[in-house]
Amino acid sequence: MGKRGFKPKPMAIKRLHGSQRGDYKVPEPIGDGTIPACPDWLSAKAKEKWFEVVQQLRRISKSLLSSVDVQILARYCVIWELWDKVRQFIEKNGEVMVFREADIVTKKGKITTTKKGKVKYVQQLPQANLFFKYAQELRQIESEFGMTPSARTKVGGESKKAESESGKARFFKFQGA
């Protein structure tokens, strides 16, 4: 079951809206801060993604990663590679197949034909379904590691406290100049 309620807003957005809650400090995530070793069984493309993601996660927070994160990071890289292959296939071939009446075999095994060659129906390719399935899996793992704006509010990473201002000063600061 998913988390209830609205997705949290990033602190900068809260401050822009004048929220008092945009001023409190988010606790740093708990982790031992060690960079997990890249598994040998990953493909070259997945390894490249591994090092890119680890570097980005270290920028979010030094203590975010832990040695127990090897499997989920490896899974993320494998799914990302599969997603990228499907994305390239869709770019090359499109998302749908168009069936004309001439392409459809009747129950008796005969092919029905028309002189006009009208489109009978359009069907989504299986790769398009896989594309969205992989994207959903990637988004889920990304939110676990704080790789989306709303997820970063849960993970932390913003270490400095906003300067305290009165409500009027905050309001007039963002009115433009």
N, C-alpha and C. Protein backbone atom coordinates (compact mmCIF):
# COMPACT_ATOMS: atom_id res chain seq x y z
N MET A 1 0.84 -1.17 0.00
CA MET A 1 0.00 0.00 0.00
C MET A 1 0.88 1.23 0.00
N GLY A 2 0.55 2.21 -0.83
CA GLY A 2 1.35 3.42 -0.96
C GLY A 2 1.18 4.37 0.22
N LYS A 3 2.02 5.39 0.20
CA LYS A 3 1.93 6.39 1.26
C LYS A 3 0.72 7.27 1.03
N ARG A 4 0.10 7.68 2.11
CA ARG A 4 -1.12 8.48 2.01
C ARG A 4 -0.80 9.96 1.93
N GLY A 5 -1.76 10.69 1.40
CA GLY A 5 -1.66 12.14 1.37
C GLY A 5 -0.93 12.67 0.14
N PHE A 6 -0.78 13.99 0.12
CA PHE A 6 -0.13 14.65 -0.99
C PHE A 6 1.37 14.39 -0.94
N LYS A 7 2.02 14.48 -2.12
CA LYS A 7 3.47 14.39 -2.14
C LYS A 7 4.03 15.65 -1.51
N PRO A 8 5.10 15.53 -0.73
CA PRO A 8 5.65 16.72 -0.09
C PRO A 8 6.28 17.66 -1.10
N LYS A 9 6.19 18.96 -0.80
CA LYS A 9 6.79 19.97 -1.66
C LYS A 9 8.23 20.20 -1.25
N PRO A 10 9.10 20.51 -2.22
CA PRO A 10 10.47 20.87 -1.86
C PRO A 10 10.48 22.15 -1.02
N MET A 11 11.52 22.30 -0.19
CA MET A 11 11.61 23.44 0.72
C MET A 11 11.59 24.78 -0.02
N ALA A 12 12.26 24.84 -1.17
CA ALA A 12 12.31 26.11 -1.91
C ALA A 12 10.90 26.54 -2.33
N ILE A 13 10.07 25.59 -2.74
CA ILE A 13 8.69 25.91 -3.14
C ILE A 13 7.90 26.37 -1.92
N LYS A 14 8.10 25.71 -0.78
CA LYS A 14 7.41 26.13 0.44
C LYS A 14 7.77 27.56 0.80
N ARG A 15 9.05 27.88 0.67
CA ARG A 15 9.48 29.26 0.99
C ARG A 15 8.86 30.26 0.03
N LEU A 16 8.79 29.91 -1.25
CA LEU A 16 8.18 30.82 -2.24
C LEU A 16 6.72 31.08 -1.93
N HIS A 17 6.03 30.09 -1.41
CA HIS A 17 4.62 30.25 -1.05
C HIS A 17 4.44 30.92 0.29
N GLY A 18 5.54 31.22 0.99
CA GLY A 18 5.46 31.91 2.27
C GLY A 18 5.13 31.02 3.44
N SER A 19 5.36 29.73 3.31
CA SER A 19 5.04 28.80 4.38
C SER A 19 6.05 28.90 5.52
N GLN A 20 5.55 28.84 6.74
CA GLN A 20 6.42 28.82 7.92
C GLN A 20 7.20 27.51 7.97
N ARG A 21 6.65 26.47 7.38
CA ARG A 21 7.28 25.16 7.45
C ARG A 21 8.48 25.03 6.51
N GLY A 22 8.68 26.01 5.66
CA GLY A 22 9.81 25.96 4.75
C GLY A 22 11.11 26.32 5.41
N ASP A 23 11.08 26.67 6.71
CA ASP A 23 12.28 27.11 7.39
C ASP A 23 12.93 26.05 8.26
N TYR A 24 12.27 24.94 8.48
CA TYR A 24 12.86 23.96 9.38
C TYR A 24 13.84 23.06 8.63
N LYS A 25 14.79 22.52 9.37
CA LYS A 25 15.83 21.69 8.78
C LYS A 25 15.37 20.24 8.67
N VAL A 26 15.62 19.63 7.54
CA VAL A 26 15.28 18.23 7.33
C VAL A 26 16.43 17.39 7.86
N PRO A 27 16.15 16.36 8.64
CA PRO A 27 17.24 15.53 9.15
C PRO A 27 17.97 14.80 8.03
N GLU A 28 19.26 14.63 8.21
CA GLU A 28 20.07 13.89 7.24
C GLU A 28 19.68 12.42 7.26
N PRO A 29 19.70 11.75 6.11
CA PRO A 29 19.39 10.33 6.09
C PRO A 29 20.46 9.52 6.82
N ILE A 30 20.03 8.40 7.36
CA ILE A 30 20.94 7.55 8.11
C ILE A 30 21.55 6.51 7.16
N GLY A 31 22.84 6.45 7.14
CA GLY A 31 23.58 5.48 6.33
C GLY A 31 25.03 5.54 6.76
N ASP A 32 25.80 4.52 6.41
CA ASP A 32 27.19 4.54 6.85
C ASP A 32 28.09 5.37 5.93
N GLY A 33 27.56 5.85 4.82
CA GLY A 33 28.31 6.74 3.94
C GLY A 33 29.32 6.06 3.05
N THR A 34 29.38 4.73 3.07
CA THR A 34 30.33 4.04 2.20
C THR A 34 29.74 3.89 0.81
N ILE A 35 30.59 3.99 -0.18
CA ILE A 35 30.14 3.82 -1.56
C ILE A 35 30.16 2.32 -1.85
N PRO A 36 29.00 1.74 -2.21
CA PRO A 36 28.97 0.31 -2.49
C PRO A 36 29.79 -0.02 -3.74
N ALA A 37 30.43 -1.17 -3.72
CA ALA A 37 31.22 -1.61 -4.87
C ALA A 37 30.29 -2.05 -5.99
N CYS A 38 30.65 -1.68 -7.21
CA CYS A 38 29.85 -2.04 -8.38
C CYS A 38 29.97 -3.54 -8.64
N PRO A 39 28.84 -4.24 -8.79
CA PRO A 39 28.89 -5.69 -9.06
C PRO A 39 29.57 -5.99 -10.40
N ASP A 40 30.32 -7.07 -10.45
CA ASP A 40 31.04 -7.46 -11.67
C ASP A 40 30.09 -7.92 -12.77
N TRP A 41 28.95 -8.46 -12.41
CA TRP A 41 28.04 -9.05 -13.38
C TRP A 41 27.24 -8.03 -14.19
N LEU A 42 27.31 -6.75 -13.85
CA LEU A 42 26.60 -5.73 -14.62
C LEU A 42 27.25 -5.57 -16.00
N SER A 43 26.45 -5.24 -16.99
CA SER A 43 26.98 -4.99 -18.33
C SER A 43 27.72 -3.64 -18.33
N ALA A 44 28.42 -3.35 -19.40
CA ALA A 44 29.20 -2.11 -19.48
C ALA A 44 28.30 -0.88 -19.38
N LYS A 45 27.16 -0.92 -20.05
CA LYS A 45 26.24 0.21 -20.02
C LYS A 45 25.64 0.39 -18.63
N ALA A 46 25.31 -0.71 -17.96
CA ALA A 46 24.76 -0.65 -16.61
C ALA A 46 25.81 -0.16 -15.62
N LYS A 47 27.06 -0.57 -15.81
CA LYS A 47 28.14 -0.08 -14.94
C LYS A 47 28.33 1.42 -15.09
N GLU A 48 28.23 1.90 -16.33
CA GLU A 48 28.34 3.35 -16.57
C GLU A 48 27.24 4.10 -15.82
N LYS A 49 26.03 3.56 -15.87
CA LYS A 49 24.90 4.17 -15.16
C LYS A 49 25.12 4.08 -13.65
N TRP A 50 25.70 2.98 -13.18
CA TRP A 50 25.98 2.80 -11.75
C TRP A 50 26.83 3.95 -11.23
N PHE A 51 27.96 4.21 -11.90
CA PHE A 51 28.87 5.24 -11.42
C PHE A 51 28.24 6.64 -11.51
N GLU A 52 27.41 6.86 -12.53
CA GLU A 52 26.71 8.13 -12.66
C GLU A 52 25.72 8.34 -11.50
N VAL A 53 24.95 7.29 -11.19
CA VAL A 53 23.94 7.39 -10.13
C VAL A 53 24.60 7.53 -8.76
N VAL A 54 25.65 6.77 -8.50
CA VAL A 54 26.35 6.86 -7.21
C VAL A 54 26.89 8.27 -7.01
N GLN A 55 27.45 8.84 -8.07
CA GLN A 55 27.99 10.20 -7.97
C GLN A 55 26.87 11.20 -7.67
N GLN A 56 25.73 11.06 -8.33
CA GLN A 56 24.60 11.96 -8.09
C GLN A 56 24.05 11.81 -6.67
N LEU A 57 23.97 10.58 -6.19
CA LEU A 57 23.45 10.35 -4.85
C LEU A 57 24.41 10.90 -3.79
N ARG A 58 25.70 10.84 -4.04
CA ARG A 58 26.67 11.42 -3.10
C ARG A 58 26.54 12.93 -3.05
N ARG A 59 26.13 13.55 -4.17
CA ARG A 59 25.91 15.01 -4.16
C ARG A 59 24.68 15.37 -3.33
N ILE A 60 23.68 14.51 -3.32
CA ILE A 60 22.48 14.77 -2.53
C ILE A 60 22.83 14.73 -1.04
N SER A 61 23.52 13.68 -0.63
CA SER A 61 23.90 13.54 0.77
C SER A 61 25.07 12.56 0.87
N LYS A 62 26.05 12.93 1.66
CA LYS A 62 27.23 12.06 1.85
C LYS A 62 26.87 10.79 2.61
N SER A 63 25.86 10.87 3.46
CA SER A 63 25.52 9.71 4.29
C SER A 63 24.31 8.93 3.76
N LEU A 64 23.92 9.17 2.53
CA LEU A 64 22.75 8.50 1.97
C LEU A 64 23.02 7.03 1.64
N LEU A 65 24.14 6.76 1.00
CA LEU A 65 24.44 5.39 0.57
C LEU A 65 25.01 4.55 1.70
N SER A 66 24.81 3.26 1.55
CA SER A 66 25.31 2.31 2.52
C SER A 66 25.74 1.05 1.76
N SER A 67 26.48 0.20 2.41
CA SER A 67 26.95 -1.01 1.75
C SER A 67 25.81 -1.98 1.43
N VAL A 68 24.67 -1.84 2.09
CA VAL A 68 23.53 -2.73 1.82
C VAL A 68 22.73 -2.32 0.59
N ASP A 69 23.09 -1.20 -0.03
CA ASP A 69 22.35 -0.69 -1.19
C ASP A 69 22.82 -1.28 -2.52
N VAL A 70 23.72 -2.24 -2.49
CA VAL A 70 24.28 -2.81 -3.72
C VAL A 70 23.18 -3.39 -4.60
N GLN A 71 22.30 -4.22 -4.04
CA GLN A 71 21.31 -4.92 -4.84
C GLN A 71 20.29 -3.98 -5.47
N ILE A 72 19.81 -3.02 -4.71
CA ILE A 72 18.79 -2.13 -5.28
C ILE A 72 19.40 -1.19 -6.32
N LEU A 73 20.63 -0.77 -6.12
CA LEU A 73 21.30 0.05 -7.13
C LEU A 73 21.58 -0.76 -8.40
N ALA A 74 22.00 -2.01 -8.23
CA ALA A 74 22.24 -2.88 -9.38
C ALA A 74 20.93 -3.12 -10.13
N ARG A 75 19.84 -3.35 -9.39
CA ARG A 75 18.53 -3.55 -10.02
C ARG A 75 18.13 -2.30 -10.79
N TYR A 76 18.38 -1.13 -10.22
CA TYR A 76 18.05 0.12 -10.90
C TYR A 76 18.82 0.22 -12.22
N CYS A 77 20.10 -0.11 -12.20
CA CYS A 77 20.91 0.01 -13.41
C CYS A 77 20.48 -0.99 -14.49
N VAL A 78 20.11 -2.20 -14.08
CA VAL A 78 19.65 -3.21 -15.05
C VAL A 78 18.32 -2.77 -15.66
N ILE A 79 17.40 -2.30 -14.82
CA ILE A 79 16.09 -1.85 -15.33
C ILE A 79 16.28 -0.64 -16.23
N TRP A 80 17.19 0.26 -15.86
CA TRP A 80 17.45 1.44 -16.70
C TRP A 80 17.97 1.01 -18.07
N GLU A 81 18.86 0.02 -18.11
CA GLU A 81 19.39 -0.45 -19.39
C GLU A 81 18.28 -1.06 -20.24
N LEU A 82 17.41 -1.87 -19.63
CA LEU A 82 16.28 -2.44 -20.36
C LEU A 82 15.35 -1.33 -20.88
N TRP A 83 15.08 -0.34 -20.03
CA TRP A 83 14.23 0.78 -20.42
C TRP A 83 14.84 1.51 -21.61
N ASP A 84 16.16 1.72 -21.60
CA ASP A 84 16.84 2.43 -22.68
C ASP A 84 16.76 1.64 -23.99
N LYS A 85 16.90 0.31 -23.93
CA LYS A 85 16.78 -0.52 -25.14
C LYS A 85 15.38 -0.41 -25.74
N VAL A 86 14.38 -0.46 -24.87
CA VAL A 86 13.00 -0.36 -25.34
C VAL A 86 12.73 1.04 -25.91
N ARG A 87 13.29 2.06 -25.26
CA ARG A 87 13.14 3.44 -25.76
C ARG A 87 13.71 3.57 -27.16
N GLN A 88 14.89 2.99 -27.41
CA GLN A 88 15.50 3.05 -28.73
C GLN A 88 14.67 2.30 -29.76
N PHE A 89 14.10 1.16 -29.37
CA PHE A 89 13.24 0.40 -30.27
C PHE A 89 12.02 1.22 -30.66
N ILE A 90 11.41 1.89 -29.69
CA ILE A 90 10.20 2.69 -29.96
C ILE A 90 10.54 3.89 -30.84
N GLU A 91 11.70 4.51 -30.60
CA GLU A 91 12.11 5.63 -31.46
C GLU A 91 12.26 5.18 -32.91
N LYS A 92 12.77 3.97 -33.11
CA LYS A 92 13.01 3.45 -34.46
C LYS A 92 11.72 2.96 -35.12
N ASN A 93 10.87 2.24 -34.37
CA ASN A 93 9.72 1.55 -34.96
C ASN A 93 8.36 2.13 -34.63
N GLY A 94 8.30 3.04 -33.68
CA GLY A 94 7.02 3.59 -33.27
C GLY A 94 6.40 2.79 -32.14
N GLU A 95 5.24 3.26 -31.65
CA GLU A 95 4.58 2.62 -30.50
C GLU A 95 3.47 1.65 -30.89
N VAL A 96 2.97 1.77 -32.13
CA VAL A 96 1.79 0.98 -32.51
C VAL A 96 2.01 0.25 -33.83
N MET A 97 1.19 -0.81 -34.04
CA MET A 97 1.13 -1.52 -35.31
C MET A 97 -0.23 -1.21 -35.93
N VAL A 98 -0.23 -0.94 -37.22
CA VAL A 98 -1.48 -0.68 -37.93
C VAL A 98 -1.82 -1.92 -38.74
N PHE A 99 -3.00 -2.46 -38.49
CA PHE A 99 -3.48 -3.63 -39.22
C PHE A 99 -4.50 -3.19 -40.25
N ARG A 100 -4.29 -3.60 -41.48
CA ARG A 100 -5.28 -3.35 -42.52
C ARG A 100 -6.09 -4.63 -42.70
N GLU A 101 -7.18 -4.51 -43.37
CA GLU A 101 -8.03 -5.68 -43.57
C GLU A 101 -7.28 -6.80 -44.28
N ALA A 102 -6.32 -6.45 -45.13
CA ALA A 102 -5.55 -7.46 -45.86
C ALA A 102 -4.62 -8.23 -44.94
N ASP A 103 -4.29 -7.67 -43.77
CA ASP A 103 -3.37 -8.31 -42.84
C ASP A 103 -4.05 -9.31 -41.93
N ILE A 104 -5.36 -9.32 -41.90
CA ILE A 104 -6.10 -10.14 -40.95
C ILE A 104 -6.50 -11.45 -41.61
N VAL A 105 -6.19 -12.54 -40.96
CA VAL A 105 -6.55 -13.87 -41.48
C VAL A 105 -7.90 -14.25 -40.88
N THR A 106 -8.80 -14.70 -41.71
CA THR A 106 -10.12 -15.10 -41.23
C THR A 106 -10.03 -16.48 -40.59
N LYS A 107 -11.15 -16.93 -40.02
CA LYS A 107 -11.19 -18.23 -39.34
C LYS A 107 -10.90 -19.38 -40.30
N LYS A 108 -11.24 -19.22 -41.54
CA LYS A 108 -11.03 -20.29 -42.52
C LYS A 108 -9.59 -20.30 -43.04
N GLY A 109 -8.77 -19.32 -42.63
CA GLY A 109 -7.39 -19.29 -43.09
C GLY A 109 -7.18 -18.43 -44.31
N LYS A 110 -8.23 -17.83 -44.81
CA LYS A 110 -8.10 -16.97 -45.98
C LYS A 110 -7.84 -15.54 -45.53
N ILE A 111 -7.11 -14.81 -46.35
CA ILE A 111 -6.83 -13.40 -46.04
C ILE A 111 -7.88 -12.55 -46.72
N THR A 112 -8.52 -11.69 -45.93
CA THR A 112 -9.52 -10.80 -46.50
C THR A 112 -8.81 -9.59 -47.10
N THR A 113 -9.23 -9.17 -48.25
CA THR A 113 -8.61 -8.02 -48.91
C THR A 113 -9.68 -7.03 -49.34
N THR A 114 -9.30 -5.77 -49.37
CA THR A 114 -10.16 -4.73 -49.92
C THR A 114 -9.35 -3.92 -50.91
N LYS A 115 -10.03 -3.28 -51.83
CA LYS A 115 -9.34 -2.48 -52.83
C LYS A 115 -8.81 -1.17 -52.23
N LYS A 116 -9.52 -0.66 -51.22
CA LYS A 116 -9.14 0.63 -50.62
C LYS A 116 -8.01 0.47 -49.60
N GLY A 117 -7.84 -0.68 -49.01
CA GLY A 117 -6.80 -0.91 -48.02
C GLY A 117 -7.03 -0.12 -46.74
N LYS A 118 -8.28 -0.07 -46.30
CA LYS A 118 -8.63 0.69 -45.10
C LYS A 118 -7.95 0.12 -43.86
N VAL A 119 -7.71 1.03 -42.90
CA VAL A 119 -7.14 0.61 -41.62
C VAL A 119 -8.23 -0.05 -40.82
N LYS A 120 -7.96 -1.27 -40.39
CA LYS A 120 -8.94 -2.01 -39.61
C LYS A 120 -8.83 -1.65 -38.13
N TYR A 121 -7.64 -1.73 -37.56
CA TYR A 121 -7.45 -1.33 -36.18
C TYR A 121 -5.96 -1.08 -35.91
N VAL A 122 -5.69 -0.45 -34.79
CA VAL A 122 -4.33 -0.13 -34.37
C VAL A 122 -4.09 -0.82 -33.04
N GLN A 123 -2.93 -1.45 -32.91
CA GLN A 123 -2.60 -2.16 -31.68
C GLN A 123 -1.26 -1.66 -31.15
N GLN A 124 -1.19 -1.49 -29.84
CA GLN A 124 0.05 -1.06 -29.20
C GLN A 124 1.07 -2.20 -29.22
N LEU A 125 2.32 -1.85 -29.52
CA LEU A 125 3.39 -2.85 -29.49
C LEU A 125 3.67 -3.28 -28.05
N PRO A 126 4.08 -4.51 -27.85
CA PRO A 126 4.42 -4.96 -26.49
C PRO A 126 5.55 -4.13 -25.88
N GLN A 127 6.45 -3.62 -26.71
CA GLN A 127 7.56 -2.81 -26.22
C GLN A 127 7.07 -1.51 -25.58
N ALA A 128 5.97 -0.96 -26.06
CA ALA A 128 5.43 0.27 -25.47
C ALA A 128 4.94 -0.02 -24.05
N ASN A 129 4.33 -1.17 -23.85
CA ASN A 129 3.89 -1.56 -22.52
C ASN A 129 5.09 -1.76 -21.59
N LEU A 130 6.13 -2.41 -22.10
CA LEU A 130 7.35 -2.61 -21.32
C LEU A 130 8.00 -1.28 -20.95
N PHE A 131 7.97 -0.33 -21.89
CA PHE A 131 8.55 1.00 -21.65
C PHE A 131 7.92 1.64 -20.41
N PHE A 132 6.61 1.61 -20.34
CA PHE A 132 5.92 2.22 -19.20
C PHE A 132 6.11 1.41 -17.91
N LYS A 133 6.19 0.11 -18.03
CA LYS A 133 6.42 -0.74 -16.86
C LYS A 133 7.81 -0.47 -16.27
N TYR A 134 8.83 -0.41 -17.12
CA TYR A 134 10.18 -0.11 -16.66
C TYR A 134 10.26 1.30 -16.08
N ALA A 135 9.58 2.24 -16.72
CA ALA A 135 9.59 3.63 -16.21
C ALA A 135 8.98 3.70 -14.82
N GLN A 136 7.94 2.94 -14.59
CA GLN A 136 7.30 2.91 -13.26
C GLN A 136 8.25 2.32 -12.22
N GLU A 137 8.94 1.25 -12.57
CA GLU A 137 9.92 0.64 -11.66
C GLU A 137 11.05 1.61 -11.35
N LEU A 138 11.55 2.29 -12.38
CA LEU A 138 12.62 3.27 -12.18
C LEU A 138 12.17 4.40 -11.26
N ARG A 139 10.97 4.90 -11.48
CA ARG A 139 10.44 5.99 -10.66
C ARG A 139 10.32 5.56 -9.20
N GLN A 140 9.93 4.32 -8.98
CA GLN A 140 9.80 3.82 -7.62
C GLN A 140 11.15 3.78 -6.91
N ILE A 141 12.16 3.28 -7.59
CA ILE A 141 13.50 3.22 -6.98
C ILE A 141 14.06 4.63 -6.82
N GLU A 142 13.82 5.50 -7.81
CA GLU A 142 14.30 6.88 -7.71
C GLU A 142 13.71 7.59 -6.51
N SER A 143 12.44 7.33 -6.22
CA SER A 143 11.84 7.99 -5.06
C SER A 143 12.40 7.45 -3.75
N GLU A 144 12.82 6.18 -3.74
CA GLU A 144 13.44 5.62 -2.54
C GLU A 144 14.77 6.30 -2.22
N PHE A 145 15.50 6.66 -3.25
CA PHE A 145 16.81 7.28 -3.05
C PHE A 145 16.77 8.80 -3.09
N GLY A 146 15.60 9.40 -3.21
CA GLY A 146 15.50 10.85 -3.21
C GLY A 146 15.95 11.47 -4.52
N MET A 147 15.70 10.80 -5.63
CA MET A 147 16.12 11.32 -6.94
C MET A 147 15.02 12.11 -7.63
N THR A 148 13.93 12.39 -6.92
CA THR A 148 12.88 13.26 -7.44
C THR A 148 12.73 14.43 -6.45
N PRO A 149 12.23 15.57 -6.90
CA PRO A 149 12.13 16.73 -6.00
C PRO A 149 11.31 16.45 -4.74
N SER A 150 10.17 15.78 -4.86
CA SER A 150 9.36 15.54 -3.67
C SER A 150 10.01 14.50 -2.76
N ALA A 151 10.73 13.55 -3.34
CA ALA A 151 11.39 12.53 -2.52
C ALA A 151 12.58 13.10 -1.77
N ARG A 152 13.23 14.15 -2.33
CA ARG A 152 14.36 14.76 -1.63
C ARG A 152 13.92 15.40 -0.32
N THR A 153 12.66 15.79 -0.21
CA THR A 153 12.20 16.37 1.06
C THR A 153 12.16 15.32 2.15
N LYS A 154 11.97 14.05 1.78
CA LYS A 154 11.96 12.96 2.76
C LYS A 154 13.37 12.50 3.09
N VAL A 155 14.24 12.50 2.08
CA VAL A 155 15.60 12.00 2.26
C VAL A 155 16.48 13.02 2.96
N GLY A 156 16.28 14.28 2.69
CA GLY A 156 17.12 15.30 3.29
C GLY A 156 18.08 15.83 2.26
N GLY A 157 19.25 16.23 2.71
CA GLY A 157 20.26 16.75 1.81
C GLY A 157 20.36 18.26 1.85
N GLU A 158 19.34 18.93 2.30
CA GLU A 158 19.41 20.37 2.43
C GLU A 158 19.83 20.67 3.86
N SER A 159 21.08 21.08 4.03
CA SER A 159 21.64 21.14 5.37
C SER A 159 21.61 22.53 6.00
N LYS A 160 21.43 23.57 5.20
CA LYS A 160 21.44 24.89 5.81
C LYS A 160 20.03 25.36 6.12
N LYS A 161 19.90 26.07 7.22
CA LYS A 161 18.60 26.58 7.63
C LYS A 161 18.37 27.93 6.97
N ALA A 162 17.18 28.17 6.51
CA ALA A 162 16.86 29.43 5.86
C ALA A 162 16.93 30.56 6.87
N GLU A 163 17.34 31.71 6.36
CA GLU A 163 17.41 32.85 7.26
C GLU A 163 16.00 33.22 7.71
N SER A 164 15.88 33.52 9.00
CA SER A 164 14.55 33.79 9.54
C SER A 164 14.13 35.21 9.16
N GLU A 165 12.94 35.30 8.63
CA GLU A 165 12.38 36.58 8.23
C GLU A 165 10.94 36.63 8.72
N SER A 166 10.46 37.82 8.88
CA SER A 166 9.06 37.95 9.26
C SER A 166 8.19 37.61 8.06
N GLY A 167 6.92 37.36 8.28
CA GLY A 167 6.01 37.01 7.20
C GLY A 167 5.93 38.08 6.13
N LYS A 168 5.90 39.36 6.53
CA LYS A 168 5.83 40.44 5.54
C LYS A 168 7.10 40.53 4.72
N ALA A 169 8.25 40.38 5.35
CA ALA A 169 9.52 40.47 4.63
C ALA A 169 9.62 39.36 3.60
N ARG A 170 9.18 38.16 3.94
CA ARG A 170 9.19 37.05 2.98
C ARG A 170 8.25 37.32 1.82
N PHE A 171 7.09 37.89 2.12
CA PHE A 171 6.12 38.16 1.09
C PHE A 171 6.63 39.20 0.10
N PHE A 172 7.17 40.27 0.59
CA PHE A 172 7.61 41.34 -0.29
C PHE A 172 8.93 41.02 -1.00
N LYS A 173 9.68 40.08 -0.48
CA LYS A 173 10.95 39.68 -1.11
C LYS A 173 10.69 39.06 -2.48
N PHE A 174 9.62 38.28 -2.64
CA PHE A 174 9.36 37.56 -3.87
C PHE A 174 8.39 38.28 -4.80
N GLN A 175 8.07 39.52 -4.53
CA GLN A 175 7.14 40.23 -5.40
C GLN A 175 7.82 40.77 -6.65
N GLY A 176 9.11 40.61 -6.74
CA GLY A 176 9.83 41.01 -7.95
C GLY A 176 10.37 42.41 -7.84
N ALA A 177 11.39 42.69 -8.60
CA ALA A 177 12.01 44.02 -8.62
C ALA A 177 12.57 44.29 -9.97
